[in-house]
Amino acid sequence: MRTSLAVLAAGLLAGSVLPALATPCAQQVGALQRRLDSLGAVRVAGLEPGHTLTTGSVKALPRALAEAPSDPQMKPTRENVAAARLLIREALEEDREGNQRACENILTDAKRLMGALP
């Protein structure tokens, strides 16, 4: 009886900790990773080893926009996409260490580098 009570208590404790792991920064990281694995990012940077193509996003544009972005810095390049991937890894490390502000600042830089992906 004591063993089953201890197992139940451990299960409840473990279950109560899991939602705390889903931080707002981690959710943003997930969204940016999906964006970097989208068809538009692959058109710009190519499919890199270890990455899979994500399809079927409800927020994705049906096709690439015909006109160029008004801000030339918003045009994504292969180098910028690769740099954004590195920044996302750094943001994950900051998030694991509990540095929310640093994580968000790094993600802002990653978004700027990614630009307007098709």
PDB file of N, CA and C in Angstrom:
ATOM      1  N   MET A   1       0.816  -1.181   0.000  1.00  0.00           N
ATOM      2  CA  MET A   1       0.000   0.000   0.000  1.00  0.00           C
ATOM      3  C   MET A   1       0.867   1.255   0.000  1.00  0.00           C
ATOM      4  N   ARG A   2       1.917   1.236   0.815  1.00  0.00           N
ATOM      5  CA  ARG A   2       2.810   2.389   0.860  1.00  0.00           C
ATOM      6  C   ARG A   2       3.519   2.600  -0.470  1.00  0.00           C
ATOM      7  N   THR A   3       3.890   1.522  -1.122  1.00  0.00           N
ATOM      8  CA  THR A   3       4.582   1.626  -2.395  1.00  0.00           C
ATOM      9  C   THR A   3       3.685   2.259  -3.443  1.00  0.00           C
ATOM     10  N   SER A   4       2.428   1.836  -3.514  1.00  0.00           N
ATOM     11  CA  SER A   4       1.527   2.405  -4.512  1.00  0.00           C
ATOM     12  C   SER A   4       1.231   3.868  -4.214  1.00  0.00           C
ATOM     13  N   LEU A   5       1.160   4.233  -2.929  1.00  0.00           N
ATOM     14  CA  LEU A   5       0.940   5.627  -2.563  1.00  0.00           C
ATOM     15  C   LEU A   5       2.148   6.477  -2.944  1.00  0.00           C
ATOM     16  N   ALA A   6       3.341   5.937  -2.750  1.00  0.00           N
ATOM     17  CA  ALA A   6       4.561   6.655  -3.115  1.00  0.00           C
ATOM     18  C   ALA A   6       4.661   6.820  -4.630  1.00  0.00           C
ATOM     19  N   VAL A   7       4.296   5.787  -5.380  1.00  0.00           N
ATOM     20  CA  VAL A   7       4.326   5.857  -6.840  1.00  0.00           C
ATOM     21  C   VAL A   7       3.308   6.882  -7.333  1.00  0.00           C
ATOM     22  N   LEU A   8       2.130   6.900  -6.738  1.00  0.00           N
ATOM     23  CA  LEU A   8       1.106   7.864  -7.119  1.00  0.00           C
ATOM     24  C   LEU A   8       1.565   9.287  -6.822  1.00  0.00           C
ATOM     25  N   ALA A   9       2.155   9.498  -5.666  1.00  0.00           N
ATOM     26  CA  ALA A   9       2.641  10.830  -5.303  1.00  0.00           C
ATOM     27  C   ALA A   9       3.754  11.280  -6.249  1.00  0.00           C
ATOM     28  N   ALA A  10       4.665  10.372  -6.598  1.00  0.00           N
ATOM     29  CA  ALA A  10       5.750  10.707  -7.521  1.00  0.00           C
ATOM     30  C   ALA A  10       5.201  11.044  -8.902  1.00  0.00           C
ATOM     31  N   GLY A  11       4.195  10.306  -9.334  1.00  0.00           N
ATOM     32  CA  GLY A  11       3.572  10.575 -10.628  1.00  0.00           C
ATOM     33  C   GLY A  11       2.892  11.934 -10.666  1.00  0.00           C
ATOM     34  N   LEU A  12       2.199  12.284  -9.597  1.00  0.00           N
ATOM     35  CA  LEU A  12       1.547  13.589  -9.536  1.00  0.00           C
ATOM     36  C   LEU A  12       2.570  14.718  -9.503  1.00  0.00           C
ATOM     37  N   LEU A  13       3.647  14.514  -8.775  1.00  0.00           N
ATOM     38  CA  LEU A  13       4.696  15.525  -8.702  1.00  0.00           C
ATOM     39  C   LEU A  13       5.361  15.722 -10.063  1.00  0.00           C
ATOM     40  N   ALA A  14       5.666  14.640 -10.731  1.00  0.00           N
ATOM     41  CA  ALA A  14       6.288  14.734 -12.055  1.00  0.00           C
ATOM     42  C   ALA A  14       5.344  15.392 -13.048  1.00  0.00           C
ATOM     43  N   GLY A  15       4.071  15.085 -12.991  1.00  0.00           N
ATOM     44  CA  GLY A  15       3.094  15.680 -13.897  1.00  0.00           C
ATOM     45  C   GLY A  15       2.893  17.164 -13.657  1.00  0.00           C
ATOM     46  N   SER A  16       3.051  17.594 -12.416  1.00  0.00           N
ATOM     47  CA  SER A  16       2.866  19.010 -12.121  1.00  0.00           C
ATOM     48  C   SER A  16       4.050  19.848 -12.575  1.00  0.00           C
ATOM     49  N   VAL A  17       5.216  19.242 -12.768  1.00  0.00           N
ATOM     50  CA  VAL A  17       6.397  19.968 -13.193  1.00  0.00           C
ATOM     51  C   VAL A  17       6.419  20.161 -14.708  1.00  0.00           C
ATOM     52  N   LEU A  18       5.862  19.259 -15.472  1.00  0.00           N
ATOM     53  CA  LEU A  18       5.945  19.306 -16.927  1.00  0.00           C
ATOM     54  C   LEU A  18       5.422  20.598 -17.547  1.00  0.00           C
ATOM     55  N   PRO A  19       4.263  21.119 -17.172  1.00  0.00           N
ATOM     56  CA  PRO A  19       3.817  22.357 -17.816  1.00  0.00           C
ATOM     57  C   PRO A  19       4.761  23.531 -17.572  1.00  0.00           C
ATOM     58  N   ALA A  20       5.502  23.512 -16.494  1.00  0.00           N
ATOM     59  CA  ALA A  20       6.432  24.602 -16.208  1.00  0.00           C
ATOM     60  C   ALA A  20       7.597  24.612 -17.192  1.00  0.00           C
ATOM     61  N   LEU A  21       7.873  23.505 -17.851  1.00  0.00           N
ATOM     62  CA  LEU A  21       8.971  23.438 -18.794  1.00  0.00           C
ATOM     63  C   LEU A  21       8.657  24.161 -20.093  1.00  0.00           C
ATOM     64  N   ALA A  22       7.397  24.363 -20.414  1.00  0.00           N
ATOM     65  CA  ALA A  22       6.993  25.022 -21.651  1.00  0.00           C
ATOM     66  C   ALA A  22       6.969  26.531 -21.422  1.00  0.00           C
ATOM     67  N   THR A  23       8.129  27.155 -21.500  1.00  0.00           N
ATOM     68  CA  THR A  23       8.234  28.585 -21.280  1.00  0.00           C
ATOM     69  C   THR A  23       7.828  29.335 -22.551  1.00  0.00           C
ATOM     70  N   PRO A  24       7.473  30.608 -22.420  1.00  0.00           N
ATOM     71  CA  PRO A  24       7.139  31.384 -23.617  1.00  0.00           C
ATOM     72  C   PRO A  24       8.296  31.447 -24.607  1.00  0.00           C
ATOM     73  N   CYS A  25       9.516  31.508 -24.104  1.00  0.00           N
ATOM     74  CA  CYS A  25      10.667  31.557 -24.997  1.00  0.00           C
ATOM     75  C   CYS A  25      10.817  30.226 -25.749  1.00  0.00           C
ATOM     76  N   ALA A  26      10.600  29.123 -25.054  1.00  0.00           N
ATOM     77  CA  ALA A  26      10.691  27.809 -25.705  1.00  0.00           C
ATOM     78  C   ALA A  26       9.625  27.659 -26.781  1.00  0.00           C
ATOM     79  N   GLN A  27       8.455  28.226 -26.549  1.00  0.00           N
ATOM     80  CA  GLN A  27       7.401  28.171 -27.558  1.00  0.00           C
ATOM     81  C   GLN A  27       7.785  28.986 -28.791  1.00  0.00           C
ATOM     82  N   GLN A  28       8.408  30.143 -28.579  1.00  0.00           N
ATOM     83  CA  GLN A  28       8.863  30.954 -29.704  1.00  0.00           C
ATOM     84  C   GLN A  28       9.972  30.248 -30.473  1.00  0.00           C
ATOM     85  N   VAL A  29      10.858  29.579 -29.742  1.00  0.00           N
ATOM     86  CA  VAL A  29      11.938  28.820 -30.385  1.00  0.00           C
ATOM     87  C   VAL A  29      11.335  27.747 -31.284  1.00  0.00           C
ATOM     88  N   GLY A  30      10.330  27.034 -30.783  1.00  0.00           N
ATOM     89  CA  GLY A  30       9.678  26.000 -31.587  1.00  0.00           C
ATOM     90  C   GLY A  30       9.070  26.562 -32.855  1.00  0.00           C
ATOM     91  N   ALA A  31       8.433  27.725 -32.730  1.00  0.00           N
ATOM     92  CA  ALA A  31       7.819  28.351 -33.906  1.00  0.00           C
ATOM     93  C   ALA A  31       8.884  28.762 -34.924  1.00  0.00           C
ATOM     94  N   LEU A  32       9.985  29.313 -34.444  1.00  0.00           N
ATOM     95  CA  LEU A  32      11.052  29.722 -35.368  1.00  0.00           C
ATOM     96  C   LEU A  32      11.732  28.519 -36.012  1.00  0.00           C
ATOM     97  N   GLN A  33      11.885  27.431 -35.259  1.00  0.00           N
ATOM     98  CA  GLN A  33      12.477  26.229 -35.844  1.00  0.00           C
ATOM     99  C   GLN A  33      11.589  25.674 -36.953  1.00  0.00           C
ATOM    100  N   ARG A  34      10.279  25.698 -36.732  1.00  0.00           N
ATOM    101  CA  ARG A  34       9.374  25.243 -37.794  1.00  0.00           C
ATOM    102  C   ARG A  34       9.476  26.145 -39.010  1.00  0.00           C
ATOM    103  N   ARG A  35       9.631  27.440 -38.782  1.00  0.00           N
ATOM    104  CA  ARG A  35       9.770  28.384 -39.890  1.00  0.00           C
ATOM    105  C   ARG A  35      11.051  28.129 -40.669  1.00  0.00           C
ATOM    106  N   LEU A  36      12.126  27.804 -39.954  1.00  0.00           N
ATOM    107  CA  LEU A  36      13.399  27.531 -40.622  1.00  0.00           C
ATOM    108  C   LEU A  36      13.399  26.191 -41.351  1.00  0.00           C
ATOM    109  N   ASP A  37      12.477  25.317 -41.021  1.00  0.00           N
ATOM    110  CA  ASP A  37      12.353  24.031 -41.710  1.00  0.00           C
ATOM    111  C   ASP A  37      11.231  24.058 -42.745  1.00  0.00           C
ATOM    112  N   SER A  38      10.736  25.250 -43.060  1.00  0.00           N
ATOM    113  CA  SER A  38       9.640  25.366 -44.023  1.00  0.00           C
ATOM    114  C   SER A  38      10.180  25.336 -45.448  1.00  0.00           C
ATOM    115  N   LEU A  39       9.292  25.204 -46.381  1.00  0.00           N
ATOM    116  CA  LEU A  39       9.659  25.164 -47.791  1.00  0.00           C
ATOM    117  C   LEU A  39      10.346  26.461 -48.210  1.00  0.00           C
ATOM    118  N   GLY A  40       9.877  27.596 -47.701  1.00  0.00           N
ATOM    119  CA  GLY A  40      10.490  28.874 -48.042  1.00  0.00           C
ATOM    120  C   GLY A  40      11.932  28.962 -47.594  1.00  0.00           C
ATOM    121  N   ALA A  41      12.225  28.503 -46.386  1.00  0.00           N
ATOM    122  CA  ALA A  41      13.600  28.530 -45.887  1.00  0.00           C
ATOM    123  C   ALA A  41      14.478  27.576 -46.681  1.00  0.00           C
ATOM    124  N   VAL A  42      13.924  26.452 -47.087  1.00  0.00           N
ATOM    125  CA  VAL A  42      14.696  25.489 -47.874  1.00  0.00           C
ATOM    126  C   VAL A  42      15.008  26.074 -49.247  1.00  0.00           C
ATOM    127  N   ARG A  43      14.080  26.846 -49.811  1.00  0.00           N
ATOM    128  CA  ARG A  43      14.344  27.494 -51.102  1.00  0.00           C
ATOM    129  C   ARG A  43      15.503  28.477 -50.985  1.00  0.00           C
ATOM    130  N   VAL A  44      15.605  29.148 -49.852  1.00  0.00           N
ATOM    131  CA  VAL A  44      16.651  30.146 -49.645  1.00  0.00           C
ATOM    132  C   VAL A  44      17.975  29.481 -49.284  1.00  0.00           C
ATOM    133  N   ALA A  45      17.961  28.571 -48.316  1.00  0.00           N
ATOM    134  CA  ALA A  45      19.203  28.041 -47.751  1.00  0.00           C
ATOM    135  C   ALA A  45      19.497  26.600 -48.123  1.00  0.00           C
ATOM    136  N   GLY A  46      18.550  25.902 -48.690  1.00  0.00           N
ATOM    137  CA  GLY A  46      18.744  24.494 -48.975  1.00  0.00           C
ATOM    138  C   GLY A  46      18.453  23.646 -47.742  1.00  0.00           C
ATOM    139  N   LEU A  47      18.201  22.388 -47.933  1.00  0.00           N
ATOM    140  CA  LEU A  47      17.916  21.483 -46.829  1.00  0.00           C
ATOM    141  C   LEU A  47      19.238  20.994 -46.257  1.00  0.00           C
ATOM    142  N   GLU A  48      19.489  21.364 -45.012  1.00  0.00           N
ATOM    143  CA  GLU A  48      20.752  21.013 -44.377  1.00  0.00           C
ATOM    144  C   GLU A  48      20.657  19.641 -43.734  1.00  0.00           C
ATOM    145  N   PRO A  49      21.785  18.967 -43.553  1.00  0.00           N
ATOM    146  CA  PRO A  49      21.771  17.654 -42.904  1.00  0.00           C
ATOM    147  C   PRO A  49      21.151  17.730 -41.512  1.00  0.00           C
ATOM    148  N   GLY A  50      20.292  16.789 -41.215  1.00  0.00           N
ATOM    149  CA  GLY A  50      19.661  16.747 -39.901  1.00  0.00           C
ATOM    150  C   GLY A  50      18.349  17.493 -39.817  1.00  0.00           C
ATOM    151  N   HIS A  51      17.978  18.208 -40.849  1.00  0.00           N
ATOM    152  CA  HIS A  51      16.724  18.943 -40.827  1.00  0.00           C
ATOM    153  C   HIS A  51      15.709  18.255 -41.722  1.00  0.00           C
ATOM    154  N   THR A  52      14.465  18.348 -41.317  1.00  0.00           N
ATOM    155  CA  THR A  52      13.385  17.794 -42.110  1.00  0.00           C
ATOM    156  C   THR A  52      12.506  18.929 -42.593  1.00  0.00           C
ATOM    157  N   LEU A  53      11.847  18.719 -43.681  1.00  0.00           N
ATOM    158  CA  LEU A  53      10.977  19.718 -44.267  1.00  0.00           C
ATOM    159  C   LEU A  53       9.624  19.695 -43.573  1.00  0.00           C
ATOM    160  N   THR A  54       9.184  20.854 -43.104  1.00  0.00           N
ATOM    161  CA  THR A  54       7.887  20.982 -42.461  1.00  0.00           C
ATOM    162  C   THR A  54       6.901  21.519 -43.487  1.00  0.00           C
ATOM    163  N   THR A  55       5.766  20.863 -43.623  1.00  0.00           N
ATOM    164  CA  THR A  55       4.761  21.322 -44.567  1.00  0.00           C
ATOM    165  C   THR A  55       3.417  21.445 -43.877  1.00  0.00           C
ATOM    166  N   GLY A  56       2.513  22.124 -44.532  1.00  0.00           N
ATOM    167  CA  GLY A  56       1.141  22.183 -44.053  1.00  0.00           C
ATOM    168  C   GLY A  56       0.874  23.214 -42.981  1.00  0.00           C
ATOM    169  N   SER A  57       1.708  24.251 -42.856  1.00  0.00           N
ATOM    170  CA  SER A  57       1.454  25.285 -41.861  1.00  0.00           C
ATOM    171  C   SER A  57       0.240  26.100 -42.263  1.00  0.00           C
ATOM    172  N   VAL A  58      -0.642  26.351 -41.311  1.00  0.00           N
ATOM    173  CA  VAL A  58      -1.835  27.139 -41.620  1.00  0.00           C
ATOM    174  C   VAL A  58      -1.487  28.607 -41.794  1.00  0.00           C
ATOM    175  N   LYS A  59      -0.318  29.036 -41.330  1.00  0.00           N
ATOM    176  CA  LYS A  59       0.089  30.433 -41.445  1.00  0.00           C
ATOM    177  C   LYS A  59       1.011  30.682 -42.638  1.00  0.00           C
ATOM    178  N   ALA A  60       1.391  29.651 -43.344  1.00  0.00           N
ATOM    179  CA  ALA A  60       2.305  29.813 -44.462  1.00  0.00           C
ATOM    180  C   ALA A  60       1.595  30.469 -45.645  1.00  0.00           C
ATOM    181  N   LEU A  61       2.366  31.241 -46.398  1.00  0.00           N
ATOM    182  CA  LEU A  61       1.824  31.829 -47.609  1.00  0.00           C
ATOM    183  C   LEU A  61       1.662  30.740 -48.660  1.00  0.00           C
ATOM    184  N   PRO A  62       0.617  30.809 -49.498  1.00  0.00           N
ATOM    185  CA  PRO A  62       0.437  29.771 -50.504  1.00  0.00           C
ATOM    186  C   PRO A  62       1.551  29.753 -51.549  1.00  0.00           C
ATOM    187  N   ARG A  63       2.202  30.898 -51.752  1.00  0.00           N
ATOM    188  CA  ARG A  63       3.322  30.973 -52.690  1.00  0.00           C
ATOM    189  C   ARG A  63       4.201  32.150 -52.281  1.00  0.00           C
ATOM    190  N   ALA A  64       5.386  32.194 -52.814  1.00  0.00           N
ATOM    191  CA  ALA A  64       6.295  33.301 -52.508  1.00  0.00           C
ATOM    192  C   ALA A  64       5.750  34.591 -53.098  1.00  0.00           C
ATOM    193  N   LEU A  65       5.967  35.690 -52.392  1.00  0.00           N
ATOM    194  CA  LEU A  65       5.518  36.980 -52.890  1.00  0.00           C
ATOM    195  C   LEU A  65       6.350  37.388 -54.104  1.00  0.00           C
ATOM    196  N   ALA A  66       5.699  38.010 -55.089  1.00  0.00           N
ATOM    197  CA  ALA A  66       6.383  38.388 -56.324  1.00  0.00           C
ATOM    198  C   ALA A  66       7.307  39.582 -56.121  1.00  0.00           C
ATOM    199  N   GLU A  67       6.893  40.532 -55.285  1.00  0.00           N
ATOM    200  CA  GLU A  67       7.704  41.734 -55.104  1.00  0.00           C
ATOM    201  C   GLU A  67       8.761  41.520 -54.022  1.00  0.00           C
ATOM    202  N   ALA A  68       9.818  42.286 -54.139  1.00  0.00           N
ATOM    203  CA  ALA A  68      10.898  42.221 -53.147  1.00  0.00           C
ATOM    204  C   ALA A  68      10.480  43.010 -51.909  1.00  0.00           C
ATOM    205  N   PRO A  69      10.997  42.661 -50.739  1.00  0.00           N
ATOM    206  CA  PRO A  69      10.669  43.428 -49.538  1.00  0.00           C
ATOM    207  C   PRO A  69      11.161  44.873 -49.665  1.00  0.00           C
ATOM    208  N   SER A  70      10.454  45.802 -49.043  1.00  0.00           N
ATOM    209  CA  SER A  70      10.839  47.211 -49.134  1.00  0.00           C
ATOM    210  C   SER A  70      12.154  47.481 -48.408  1.00  0.00           C
ATOM    211  N   ASP A  71      12.451  46.702 -47.375  1.00  0.00           N
ATOM    212  CA  ASP A  71      13.710  46.839 -46.647  1.00  0.00           C
ATOM    213  C   ASP A  71      14.671  45.759 -47.149  1.00  0.00           C
ATOM    214  N   PRO A  72      15.781  46.157 -47.779  1.00  0.00           N
ATOM    215  CA  PRO A  72      16.701  45.149 -48.329  1.00  0.00           C
ATOM    216  C   PRO A  72      17.248  44.184 -47.278  1.00  0.00           C
ATOM    217  N   GLN A  73      17.314  44.606 -46.012  1.00  0.00           N
ATOM    218  CA  GLN A  73      17.814  43.723 -44.960  1.00  0.00           C
ATOM    219  C   GLN A  73      16.823  42.606 -44.639  1.00  0.00           C
ATOM    220  N   MET A  74      15.583  42.745 -45.071  1.00  0.00           N
ATOM    221  CA  MET A  74      14.572  41.732 -44.806  1.00  0.00           C
ATOM    222  C   MET A  74      14.641  40.583 -45.810  1.00  0.00           C
ATOM    223  N   LYS A  75      15.478  40.707 -46.824  1.00  0.00           N
ATOM    224  CA  LYS A  75      15.609  39.641 -47.812  1.00  0.00           C
ATOM    225  C   LYS A  75      16.501  38.549 -47.228  1.00  0.00           C
ATOM    226  N   PRO A  76      15.963  37.358 -47.034  1.00  0.00           N
ATOM    227  CA  PRO A  76      16.757  36.292 -46.411  1.00  0.00           C
ATOM    228  C   PRO A  76      17.841  35.761 -47.345  1.00  0.00           C
ATOM    229  N   THR A  77      18.962  35.398 -46.756  1.00  0.00           N
ATOM    230  CA  THR A  77      20.060  34.782 -47.495  1.00  0.00           C
ATOM    231  C   THR A  77      20.443  33.480 -46.810  1.00  0.00           C
ATOM    232  N   ARG A  78      21.194  32.672 -47.504  1.00  0.00           N
ATOM    233  CA  ARG A  78      21.638  31.390 -46.948  1.00  0.00           C
ATOM    234  C   ARG A  78      22.454  31.606 -45.668  1.00  0.00           C
ATOM    235  N   GLU A  79      23.327  32.612 -45.685  1.00  0.00           N
ATOM    236  CA  GLU A  79      24.170  32.901 -44.531  1.00  0.00           C
ATOM    237  C   GLU A  79      23.335  33.354 -43.333  1.00  0.00           C
ATOM    238  N   ASN A  80      22.339  34.201 -43.599  1.00  0.00           N
ATOM    239  CA  ASN A  80      21.492  34.690 -42.509  1.00  0.00           C
ATOM    240  C   ASN A  80      20.661  33.569 -41.899  1.00  0.00           C
ATOM    241  N   VAL A  81      20.176  32.655 -42.724  1.00  0.00           N
ATOM    242  CA  VAL A  81      19.399  31.529 -42.207  1.00  0.00           C
ATOM    243  C   VAL A  81      20.294  30.640 -41.339  1.00  0.00           C
ATOM    244  N   ALA A  82      21.528  30.413 -41.777  1.00  0.00           N
ATOM    245  CA  ALA A  82      22.461  29.606 -40.981  1.00  0.00           C
ATOM    246  C   ALA A  82      22.786  30.301 -39.657  1.00  0.00           C
ATOM    247  N   ALA A  83      22.974  31.618 -39.700  1.00  0.00           N
ATOM    248  CA  ALA A  83      23.252  32.367 -38.471  1.00  0.00           C
ATOM    249  C   ALA A  83      22.050  32.343 -37.539  1.00  0.00           C
ATOM    250  N   ALA A  84      20.843  32.392 -38.099  1.00  0.00           N
ATOM    251  CA  ALA A  84      19.629  32.335 -37.278  1.00  0.00           C
ATOM    252  C   ALA A  84      19.520  30.979 -36.580  1.00  0.00           C
ATOM    253  N   ARG A  85      19.895  29.918 -37.266  1.00  0.00           N
ATOM    254  CA  ARG A  85      19.886  28.587 -36.641  1.00  0.00           C
ATOM    255  C   ARG A  85      20.826  28.547 -35.427  1.00  0.00           C
ATOM    256  N   LEU A  86      22.007  29.147 -35.568  1.00  0.00           N
ATOM    257  CA  LEU A  86      22.957  29.188 -34.447  1.00  0.00           C
ATOM    258  C   LEU A  86      22.398  30.016 -33.290  1.00  0.00           C
ATOM    259  N   LEU A  87      21.766  31.138 -33.615  1.00  0.00           N
ATOM    260  CA  LEU A  87      21.184  31.971 -32.564  1.00  0.00           C
ATOM    261  C   LEU A  87      20.064  31.239 -31.832  1.00  0.00           C
ATOM    262  N   ILE A  88      19.307  30.438 -32.540  1.00  0.00           N
ATOM    263  CA  ILE A  88      18.226  29.687 -31.895  1.00  0.00           C
ATOM    264  C   ILE A  88      18.802  28.676 -30.915  1.00  0.00           C
ATOM    265  N   ARG A  89      19.929  28.064 -31.266  1.00  0.00           N
ATOM    266  CA  ARG A  89      20.584  27.145 -30.321  1.00  0.00           C
ATOM    267  C   ARG A  89      21.036  27.898 -29.069  1.00  0.00           C
ATOM    268  N   GLU A  90      21.583  29.103 -29.260  1.00  0.00           N
ATOM    269  CA  GLU A  90      21.994  29.922 -28.118  1.00  0.00           C
ATOM    270  C   GLU A  90      20.794  30.294 -27.254  1.00  0.00           C
ATOM    271  N   ALA A  91      19.684  30.627 -27.905  1.00  0.00           N
ATOM    272  CA  ALA A  91      18.476  30.993 -27.164  1.00  0.00           C
ATOM    273  C   ALA A  91      17.983  29.819 -26.326  1.00  0.00           C
ATOM    274  N   LEU A  92      18.059  28.614 -26.871  1.00  0.00           N
ATOM    275  CA  LEU A  92      17.656  27.431 -26.111  1.00  0.00           C
ATOM    276  C   LEU A  92      18.527  27.249 -24.872  1.00  0.00           C
ATOM    277  N   GLU A  93      19.824  27.496 -25.012  1.00  0.00           N
ATOM    278  CA  GLU A  93      20.729  27.391 -23.862  1.00  0.00           C
ATOM    279  C   GLU A  93      20.362  28.414 -22.792  1.00  0.00           C
ATOM    280  N   GLU A  94      20.092  29.640 -23.207  1.00  0.00           N
ATOM    281  CA  GLU A  94      19.700  30.678 -22.248  1.00  0.00           C
ATOM    282  C   GLU A  94      18.392  30.311 -21.561  1.00  0.00           C
ATOM    283  N   ASP A  95      17.466  29.733 -22.324  1.00  0.00           N
ATOM    284  CA  ASP A  95      16.182  29.334 -21.754  1.00  0.00           C
ATOM    285  C   ASP A  95      16.364  28.222 -20.730  1.00  0.00           C
ATOM    286  N   ARG A  96      17.241  27.270 -21.033  1.00  0.00           N
ATOM    287  CA  ARG A  96      17.510  26.179 -20.086  1.00  0.00           C
ATOM    288  C   ARG A  96      18.116  26.708 -18.789  1.00  0.00           C
ATOM    289  N   GLU A  97      18.912  27.769 -18.906  1.00  0.00           N
ATOM    290  CA  GLU A  97      19.528  28.365 -17.725  1.00  0.00           C
ATOM    291  C   GLU A  97      18.585  29.307 -16.987  1.00  0.00           C
ATOM    292  N   GLY A  98      17.411  29.552 -17.559  1.00  0.00           N
ATOM    293  CA  GLY A  98      16.419  30.406 -16.914  1.00  0.00           C
ATOM    294  C   GLY A  98      16.555  31.880 -17.235  1.00  0.00           C
ATOM    295  N   ASN A  99      17.331  32.228 -18.235  1.00  0.00           N
ATOM    296  CA  ASN A  99      17.523  33.621 -18.629  1.00  0.00           C
ATOM    297  C   ASN A  99      16.517  34.008 -19.706  1.00  0.00           C
ATOM    298  N   GLN A 100      15.297  34.302 -19.294  1.00  0.00           N
ATOM    299  CA  GLN A 100      14.222  34.617 -20.236  1.00  0.00           C
ATOM    300  C   GLN A 100      14.542  35.837 -21.083  1.00  0.00           C
ATOM    301  N   ARG A 101      15.033  36.908 -20.450  1.00  0.00           N
ATOM    302  CA  ARG A 101      15.308  38.151 -21.179  1.00  0.00           C
ATOM    303  C   ARG A 101      16.383  37.923 -22.242  1.00  0.00           C
ATOM    304  N   ALA A 102      17.442  37.213 -21.897  1.00  0.00           N
ATOM    305  CA  ALA A 102      18.508  36.933 -22.857  1.00  0.00           C
ATOM    306  C   ALA A 102      17.975  36.071 -24.003  1.00  0.00           C
ATOM    307  N   CYS A 103      17.136  35.107 -23.680  1.00  0.00           N
ATOM    308  CA  CYS A 103      16.540  34.244 -24.700  1.00  0.00           C
ATOM    309  C   CYS A 103      15.713  35.071 -25.682  1.00  0.00           C
ATOM    310  N   GLU A 104      14.891  35.952 -25.156  1.00  0.00           N
ATOM    311  CA  GLU A 104      14.039  36.786 -26.014  1.00  0.00           C
ATOM    312  C   GLU A 104      14.870  37.733 -26.871  1.00  0.00           C
ATOM    313  N   ASN A 105      15.936  38.292 -26.311  1.00  0.00           N
ATOM    314  CA  ASN A 105      16.801  39.194 -27.086  1.00  0.00           C
ATOM    315  C   ASN A 105      17.487  38.454 -28.229  1.00  0.00           C
ATOM    316  N   ILE A 106      17.940  37.244 -27.959  1.00  0.00           N
ATOM    317  CA  ILE A 106      18.586  36.443 -29.003  1.00  0.00           C
ATOM    318  C   ILE A 106      17.576  36.085 -30.090  1.00  0.00           C
ATOM    319  N   LEU A 107      16.347  35.755 -29.698  1.00  0.00           N
ATOM    320  CA  LEU A 107      15.325  35.418 -30.690  1.00  0.00           C
ATOM    321  C   LEU A 107      14.972  36.620 -31.557  1.00  0.00           C
ATOM    322  N   THR A 108      15.003  37.809 -30.987  1.00  0.00           N
ATOM    323  CA  THR A 108      14.754  39.016 -31.780  1.00  0.00           C
ATOM    324  C   THR A 108      15.816  39.150 -32.865  1.00  0.00           C
ATOM    325  N   ASP A 109      17.062  38.896 -32.517  1.00  0.00           N
ATOM    326  CA  ASP A 109      18.139  38.942 -33.510  1.00  0.00           C
ATOM    327  C   ASP A 109      17.955  37.855 -34.569  1.00  0.00           C
ATOM    328  N   ALA A 110      17.530  36.683 -34.144  1.00  0.00           N
ATOM    329  CA  ALA A 110      17.312  35.583 -35.100  1.00  0.00           C
ATOM    330  C   ALA A 110      16.196  35.933 -36.077  1.00  0.00           C
ATOM    331  N   LYS A 111      15.128  36.520 -35.579  1.00  0.00           N
ATOM    332  CA  LYS A 111      14.018  36.914 -36.455  1.00  0.00           C
ATOM    333  C   LYS A 111      14.479  37.952 -37.464  1.00  0.00           C
ATOM    334  N   ARG A 112      15.299  38.900 -37.020  1.00  0.00           N
ATOM    335  CA  ARG A 112      15.810  39.931 -37.911  1.00  0.00           C
ATOM    336  C   ARG A 112      16.661  39.296 -39.013  1.00  0.00           C
ATOM    337  N   LEU A 113      17.490  38.333 -38.647  1.00  0.00           N
ATOM    338  CA  LEU A 113      18.334  37.660 -39.634  1.00  0.00           C
ATOM    339  C   LEU A 113      17.515  36.832 -40.627  1.00  0.00           C
ATOM    340  N   MET A 114      16.465  36.193 -40.126  1.00  0.00           N
ATOM    341  CA  MET A 114      15.643  35.347 -40.993  1.00  0.00           C
ATOM    342  C   MET A 114      14.953  36.168 -42.069  1.00  0.00           C
ATOM    343  N   GLY A 115      14.564  37.387 -41.707  1.00  0.00           N
ATOM    344  CA  GLY A 115      13.896  38.237 -42.676  1.00  0.00           C
ATOM    345  C   GLY A 115      12.532  37.695 -43.062  1.00  0.00           C
ATOM    346  N   ALA A 116      12.102  38.077 -44.232  1.00  0.00           N
ATOM    347  CA  ALA A 116      10.789  37.669 -44.737  1.00  0.00           C
ATOM    348  C   ALA A 116      10.957  36.417 -45.585  1.00  0.00           C
ATOM    349  N   LEU A 117      10.911  35.278 -44.926  1.00  0.00           N
ATOM    350  CA  LEU A 117      11.030  34.015 -45.679  1.00  0.00           C
ATOM    351  C   LEU A 117       9.784  33.799 -46.515  1.00  0.00           C
ATOM    352  N   PRO A 118       9.961  33.293 -47.718  1.00  0.00           N
ATOM    353  CA  PRO A 118       8.773  33.031 -48.570  1.00  0.00           C
ATOM    354  C   PRO A 118       7.939  31.903 -47.996  1.00  0.00           C
TER     355      PRO A 118
END
